[in-house]
Amino acid sequence: MSKTKQTLYNILKGKFLVDEDARKNWGFLIFLTVLALLMITSSHQIDKKVQKIALLNKEKRELRSKFVATKSDLMKLKMESSISKRLNESGLFISETPPRKIKVEISN
């Protein structure tokens, strides 16, 4: 068997874990395992944050549309025609004659 085939065969059998130099191999494997766990944890946290951002964006759009609708309703209520309608319903009306300015002169 060639050397590369023998090396591959030894790796598949796991001989590198039981040799006399196995301690440094185990340390490296534990290090790689910790890195993999950290990567998995961070990706889960990122997914949670992305979902939260999507939820907040949806809520922001809903609140924005509610704001625009409320602002539109307020603009309609502020119009002179709607104010005069509401005043007519309660018995008040807009004067037909415009107001006149009264000047008071004080003589000494």
N, C-alpha and C. Protein backbone atom coordinates (compact mmCIF):
# COMPACT_ATOMS: atom_id res chain seq x y z
N MET A 1 0.84 -1.17 0.00
CA MET A 1 0.00 0.00 0.00
C MET A 1 0.89 1.24 0.00
N SER A 2 0.49 2.29 -0.75
CA SER A 2 1.32 3.50 -0.81
C SER A 2 1.18 4.27 0.51
N LYS A 3 2.09 5.19 0.67
CA LYS A 3 2.14 5.95 1.93
C LYS A 3 0.89 6.81 2.12
N THR A 4 0.40 7.46 1.08
CA THR A 4 -0.79 8.31 1.21
C THR A 4 -2.03 7.47 1.54
N LYS A 5 -2.14 6.30 0.92
CA LYS A 5 -3.27 5.42 1.23
C LYS A 5 -3.18 4.95 2.68
N GLN A 6 -1.99 4.64 3.12
CA GLN A 6 -1.79 4.18 4.50
C GLN A 6 -2.13 5.30 5.49
N THR A 7 -1.74 6.53 5.19
CA THR A 7 -2.04 7.67 6.05
C THR A 7 -3.54 7.91 6.12
N LEU A 8 -4.19 7.87 4.99
CA LEU A 8 -5.64 8.05 4.95
C LEU A 8 -6.34 6.93 5.73
N TYR A 9 -5.85 5.72 5.58
CA TYR A 9 -6.42 4.57 6.29
C TYR A 9 -6.24 4.72 7.80
N ASN A 10 -5.08 5.22 8.23
CA ASN A 10 -4.82 5.44 9.66
C ASN A 10 -5.73 6.54 10.23
N ILE A 11 -5.97 7.57 9.42
CA ILE A 11 -6.86 8.65 9.88
C ILE A 11 -8.28 8.13 10.04
N LEU A 12 -8.74 7.35 9.06
CA LEU A 12 -10.09 6.80 9.14
C LEU A 12 -10.26 5.84 10.31
N LYS A 13 -9.22 5.10 10.64
CA LYS A 13 -9.27 4.18 11.79
C LYS A 13 -9.15 4.93 13.12
N GLY A 14 -8.65 6.15 13.09
CA GLY A 14 -8.51 6.94 14.31
C GLY A 14 -7.23 6.65 15.06
N LYS A 15 -6.21 6.17 14.37
CA LYS A 15 -4.93 5.86 15.04
C LYS A 15 -4.28 7.10 15.63
N PHE A 16 -4.53 8.26 15.02
CA PHE A 16 -3.90 9.50 15.52
C PHE A 16 -4.42 9.87 16.91
N LEU A 17 -5.52 9.26 17.33
CA LEU A 17 -6.06 9.56 18.66
C LEU A 17 -5.50 8.66 19.75
N VAL A 18 -4.84 7.57 19.36
CA VAL A 18 -4.33 6.64 20.38
C VAL A 18 -2.82 6.50 20.32
N ASP A 19 -2.15 7.23 19.45
CA ASP A 19 -0.69 7.18 19.38
C ASP A 19 -0.07 7.85 20.60
N GLU A 20 1.25 7.84 20.67
CA GLU A 20 1.92 8.49 21.80
C GLU A 20 1.83 10.01 21.74
N ASP A 21 1.64 10.57 20.56
CA ASP A 21 1.47 12.02 20.42
C ASP A 21 -0.02 12.42 20.44
N ALA A 22 -0.86 11.61 20.98
CA ALA A 22 -2.31 11.83 20.95
C ALA A 22 -2.73 13.04 21.78
N ARG A 23 -1.94 13.36 22.83
CA ARG A 23 -2.32 14.47 23.70
C ARG A 23 -2.48 15.77 22.93
N LYS A 24 -1.52 16.10 22.08
CA LYS A 24 -1.63 17.35 21.31
C LYS A 24 -2.75 17.25 20.27
N ASN A 25 -3.00 16.08 19.75
CA ASN A 25 -4.11 15.91 18.80
C ASN A 25 -5.45 16.11 19.50
N TRP A 26 -5.58 15.56 20.71
CA TRP A 26 -6.82 15.73 21.46
C TRP A 26 -7.05 17.20 21.81
N GLY A 27 -5.99 17.88 22.19
CA GLY A 27 -6.11 19.31 22.50
C GLY A 27 -6.59 20.10 21.31
N PHE A 28 -6.04 19.79 20.12
CA PHE A 28 -6.47 20.48 18.91
C PHE A 28 -7.91 20.16 18.57
N LEU A 29 -8.33 18.90 18.75
CA LEU A 29 -9.72 18.52 18.48
C LEU A 29 -10.69 19.21 19.44
N ILE A 30 -10.30 19.31 20.70
CA ILE A 30 -11.15 20.00 21.67
C ILE A 30 -11.26 21.48 21.30
N PHE A 31 -10.14 22.07 20.88
CA PHE A 31 -10.15 23.47 20.44
C PHE A 31 -11.09 23.67 19.26
N LEU A 32 -11.01 22.78 18.26
CA LEU A 32 -11.91 22.87 17.10
C LEU A 32 -13.37 22.69 17.50
N THR A 33 -13.63 21.79 18.46
CA THR A 33 -14.99 21.57 18.93
C THR A 33 -15.55 22.82 19.60
N VAL A 34 -14.74 23.47 20.44
CA VAL A 34 -15.17 24.69 21.11
C VAL A 34 -15.45 25.79 20.08
N LEU A 35 -14.59 25.90 19.08
CA LEU A 35 -14.82 26.90 18.03
C LEU A 35 -16.11 26.62 17.27
N ALA A 36 -16.37 25.36 16.98
CA ALA A 36 -17.61 25.00 16.28
C ALA A 36 -18.83 25.33 17.12
N LEU A 37 -18.77 25.05 18.42
CA LEU A 37 -19.89 25.36 19.31
C LEU A 37 -20.12 26.87 19.40
N LEU A 38 -19.03 27.63 19.47
CA LEU A 38 -19.17 29.09 19.48
C LEU A 38 -19.80 29.60 18.19
N MET A 39 -19.41 29.03 17.08
CA MET A 39 -19.97 29.44 15.80
C MET A 39 -21.46 29.12 15.71
N ILE A 40 -21.85 27.95 16.18
CA ILE A 40 -23.26 27.56 16.17
C ILE A 40 -24.07 28.48 17.07
N THR A 41 -23.54 28.77 18.26
CA THR A 41 -24.24 29.65 19.20
C THR A 41 -24.42 31.05 18.62
N SER A 42 -23.36 31.58 18.04
CA SER A 42 -23.47 32.94 17.48
C SER A 42 -24.43 32.98 16.30
N SER A 43 -24.47 31.94 15.49
CA SER A 43 -25.41 31.95 14.36
C SER A 43 -26.85 31.88 14.85
N HIS A 44 -27.11 31.13 15.94
CA HIS A 44 -28.46 31.11 16.50
C HIS A 44 -28.85 32.47 17.06
N GLN A 45 -27.92 33.13 17.73
CA GLN A 45 -28.21 34.46 18.25
C GLN A 45 -28.48 35.46 17.13
N ILE A 46 -27.74 35.35 16.05
CA ILE A 46 -27.96 36.23 14.90
C ILE A 46 -29.33 35.99 14.30
N ASP A 47 -29.72 34.72 14.19
CA ASP A 47 -31.06 34.41 13.66
C ASP A 47 -32.15 35.01 14.53
N LYS A 48 -32.00 34.93 15.85
CA LYS A 48 -32.98 35.52 16.75
C LYS A 48 -33.07 37.03 16.54
N LYS A 49 -31.91 37.67 16.40
CA LYS A 49 -31.90 39.12 16.21
C LYS A 49 -32.52 39.51 14.87
N VAL A 50 -32.27 38.74 13.84
CA VAL A 50 -32.86 39.03 12.53
C VAL A 50 -34.38 38.91 12.60
N GLN A 51 -34.88 37.89 13.29
CA GLN A 51 -36.32 37.73 13.45
C GLN A 51 -36.92 38.89 14.24
N LYS A 52 -36.21 39.33 15.28
CA LYS A 52 -36.70 40.45 16.08
C LYS A 52 -36.72 41.74 15.26
N ILE A 53 -35.69 41.94 14.42
CA ILE A 53 -35.64 43.12 13.57
C ILE A 53 -36.81 43.11 12.58
N ALA A 54 -37.09 41.95 12.01
CA ALA A 54 -38.21 41.84 11.07
C ALA A 54 -39.54 42.16 11.76
N LEU A 55 -39.70 41.67 12.99
CA LEU A 55 -40.92 41.94 13.75
C LEU A 55 -41.05 43.43 14.07
N LEU A 56 -39.95 44.05 14.47
CA LEU A 56 -39.98 45.48 14.78
C LEU A 56 -40.24 46.32 13.53
N ASN A 57 -39.70 45.91 12.38
CA ASN A 57 -39.98 46.64 11.13
C ASN A 57 -41.45 46.54 10.76
N LYS A 58 -42.04 45.37 10.97
CA LYS A 58 -43.46 45.21 10.68
C LYS A 58 -44.29 46.10 11.61
N GLU A 59 -43.94 46.12 12.88
CA GLU A 59 -44.66 46.96 13.85
C GLU A 59 -44.49 48.44 13.50
N LYS A 60 -43.28 48.80 13.04
CA LYS A 60 -43.03 50.19 12.66
C LYS A 60 -43.91 50.60 11.48
N ARG A 61 -44.03 49.72 10.48
CA ARG A 61 -44.88 50.02 9.33
C ARG A 61 -46.34 50.18 9.75
N GLU A 62 -46.81 49.31 10.67
CA GLU A 62 -48.19 49.41 11.14
C GLU A 62 -48.42 50.73 11.89
N LEU A 63 -47.48 51.08 12.76
CA LEU A 63 -47.62 52.34 13.51
C LEU A 63 -47.55 53.55 12.58
N ARG A 64 -46.72 53.48 11.56
CA ARG A 64 -46.61 54.57 10.60
C ARG A 64 -47.93 54.75 9.85
N SER A 65 -48.53 53.64 9.42
CA SER A 65 -49.80 53.76 8.69
C SER A 65 -50.90 54.28 9.62
N LYS A 66 -50.88 53.86 10.89
CA LYS A 66 -51.86 54.37 11.85
C LYS A 66 -51.67 55.87 12.06
N PHE A 67 -50.42 56.30 12.12
CA PHE A 67 -50.10 57.73 12.28
C PHE A 67 -50.62 58.53 11.10
N VAL A 68 -50.38 58.04 9.89
CA VAL A 68 -50.83 58.75 8.68
C VAL A 68 -52.35 58.83 8.66
N ALA A 69 -53.04 57.74 9.01
CA ALA A 69 -54.50 57.75 9.01
C ALA A 69 -55.04 58.73 10.05
N THR A 70 -54.45 58.75 11.23
CA THR A 70 -54.88 59.67 12.29
C THR A 70 -54.63 61.12 11.88
N LYS A 71 -53.49 61.36 11.26
CA LYS A 71 -53.17 62.72 10.80
C LYS A 71 -54.16 63.17 9.73
N SER A 72 -54.54 62.26 8.85
CA SER A 72 -55.51 62.57 7.81
C SER A 72 -56.87 62.89 8.43
N ASP A 73 -57.29 62.10 9.41
CA ASP A 73 -58.56 62.37 10.10
C ASP A 73 -58.53 63.74 10.79
N LEU A 74 -57.42 64.07 11.42
CA LEU A 74 -57.28 65.36 12.08
C LEU A 74 -57.38 66.50 11.08
N MET A 75 -56.75 66.35 9.93
CA MET A 75 -56.82 67.40 8.90
C MET A 75 -58.26 67.60 8.44
N LYS A 76 -59.02 66.51 8.30
CA LYS A 76 -60.43 66.63 7.90
C LYS A 76 -61.24 67.33 8.98
N LEU A 77 -60.95 67.04 10.25
CA LEU A 77 -61.69 67.66 11.35
C LEU A 77 -61.37 69.15 11.47
N LYS A 78 -60.18 69.56 11.07
CA LYS A 78 -59.78 70.96 11.18
C LYS A 78 -60.34 71.83 10.05
N MET A 79 -60.85 71.21 9.01
CA MET A 79 -61.36 71.99 7.87
C MET A 79 -62.57 72.82 8.31
N GLU A 80 -62.68 74.02 7.72
CA GLU A 80 -63.76 74.94 8.10
C GLU A 80 -65.13 74.34 7.83
N SER A 81 -65.27 73.61 6.75
CA SER A 81 -66.58 73.04 6.41
C SER A 81 -67.02 72.02 7.46
N SER A 82 -66.10 71.19 7.93
CA SER A 82 -66.50 70.20 8.94
C SER A 82 -66.80 70.87 10.28
N ILE A 83 -66.07 71.94 10.58
CA ILE A 83 -66.34 72.67 11.82
C ILE A 83 -67.71 73.33 11.76
N SER A 84 -68.03 73.93 10.60
CA SER A 84 -69.34 74.59 10.48
C SER A 84 -70.48 73.58 10.54
N LYS A 85 -70.30 72.38 9.98
CA LYS A 85 -71.33 71.34 10.08
C LYS A 85 -71.59 70.96 11.54
N ARG A 86 -70.52 70.77 12.27
CA ARG A 86 -70.67 70.37 13.67
C ARG A 86 -71.30 71.49 14.49
N LEU A 87 -70.96 72.74 14.17
CA LEU A 87 -71.57 73.86 14.89
C LEU A 87 -73.05 73.99 14.56
N ASN A 88 -73.43 73.76 13.29
CA ASN A 88 -74.85 73.81 12.89
C ASN A 88 -75.65 72.74 13.62
N GLU A 89 -75.06 71.57 13.82
CA GLU A 89 -75.75 70.49 14.53
C GLU A 89 -76.04 70.87 15.98
N SER A 90 -75.14 71.66 16.57
CA SER A 90 -75.36 72.06 17.96
C SER A 90 -76.13 73.37 18.09
N GLY A 91 -76.54 73.96 16.96
CA GLY A 91 -77.37 75.16 17.02
C GLY A 91 -76.60 76.45 16.79
N LEU A 92 -75.33 76.41 16.63
CA LEU A 92 -74.53 77.61 16.34
C LEU A 92 -74.34 77.72 14.83
N PHE A 93 -74.17 78.94 14.35
CA PHE A 93 -73.96 79.12 12.92
C PHE A 93 -72.92 80.21 12.70
N ILE A 94 -72.37 80.21 11.50
CA ILE A 94 -71.37 81.21 11.13
C ILE A 94 -72.09 82.46 10.68
N SER A 95 -71.63 83.59 11.13
CA SER A 95 -72.26 84.87 10.82
C SER A 95 -72.14 85.17 9.33
N GLU A 96 -73.19 85.75 8.78
CA GLU A 96 -73.20 86.11 7.37
C GLU A 96 -72.42 87.40 7.13
N THR A 97 -72.45 88.29 8.13
CA THR A 97 -71.75 89.56 7.99
C THR A 97 -70.37 89.44 8.60
N PRO A 98 -69.40 89.97 7.91
CA PRO A 98 -68.04 89.86 8.45
C PRO A 98 -67.87 90.75 9.68
N PRO A 99 -66.95 90.44 10.52
CA PRO A 99 -66.74 91.26 11.72
C PRO A 99 -66.19 92.63 11.35
N ARG A 100 -66.49 93.61 12.20
CA ARG A 100 -65.99 94.96 11.99
C ARG A 100 -65.00 95.28 13.10
N LYS A 101 -64.03 96.06 12.74
CA LYS A 101 -63.01 96.45 13.69
C LYS A 101 -63.52 97.67 14.45
N ILE A 102 -63.42 97.62 15.75
CA ILE A 102 -63.87 98.73 16.60
C ILE A 102 -62.63 99.47 17.09
N LYS A 103 -62.60 100.77 16.80
CA LYS A 103 -61.47 101.57 17.26
C LYS A 103 -61.94 102.44 18.41
N VAL A 104 -61.21 102.42 19.46
CA VAL A 104 -61.54 103.24 20.62
C VAL A 104 -60.43 104.28 20.75
N GLU A 105 -60.83 105.51 20.72
CA GLU A 105 -59.88 106.60 20.87
C GLU A 105 -60.06 107.19 22.25
N ILE A 106 -58.98 107.29 22.92
CA ILE A 106 -59.03 107.85 24.27
C ILE A 106 -58.52 109.29 24.18
N SER A 107 -59.36 110.20 24.63
CA SER A 107 -58.95 111.61 24.60
C SER A 107 -58.53 112.02 26.00
N ASN A 108 -57.51 112.79 26.03
CA ASN A 108 -57.00 113.25 27.35
C ASN A 108 -57.52 114.58 27.71
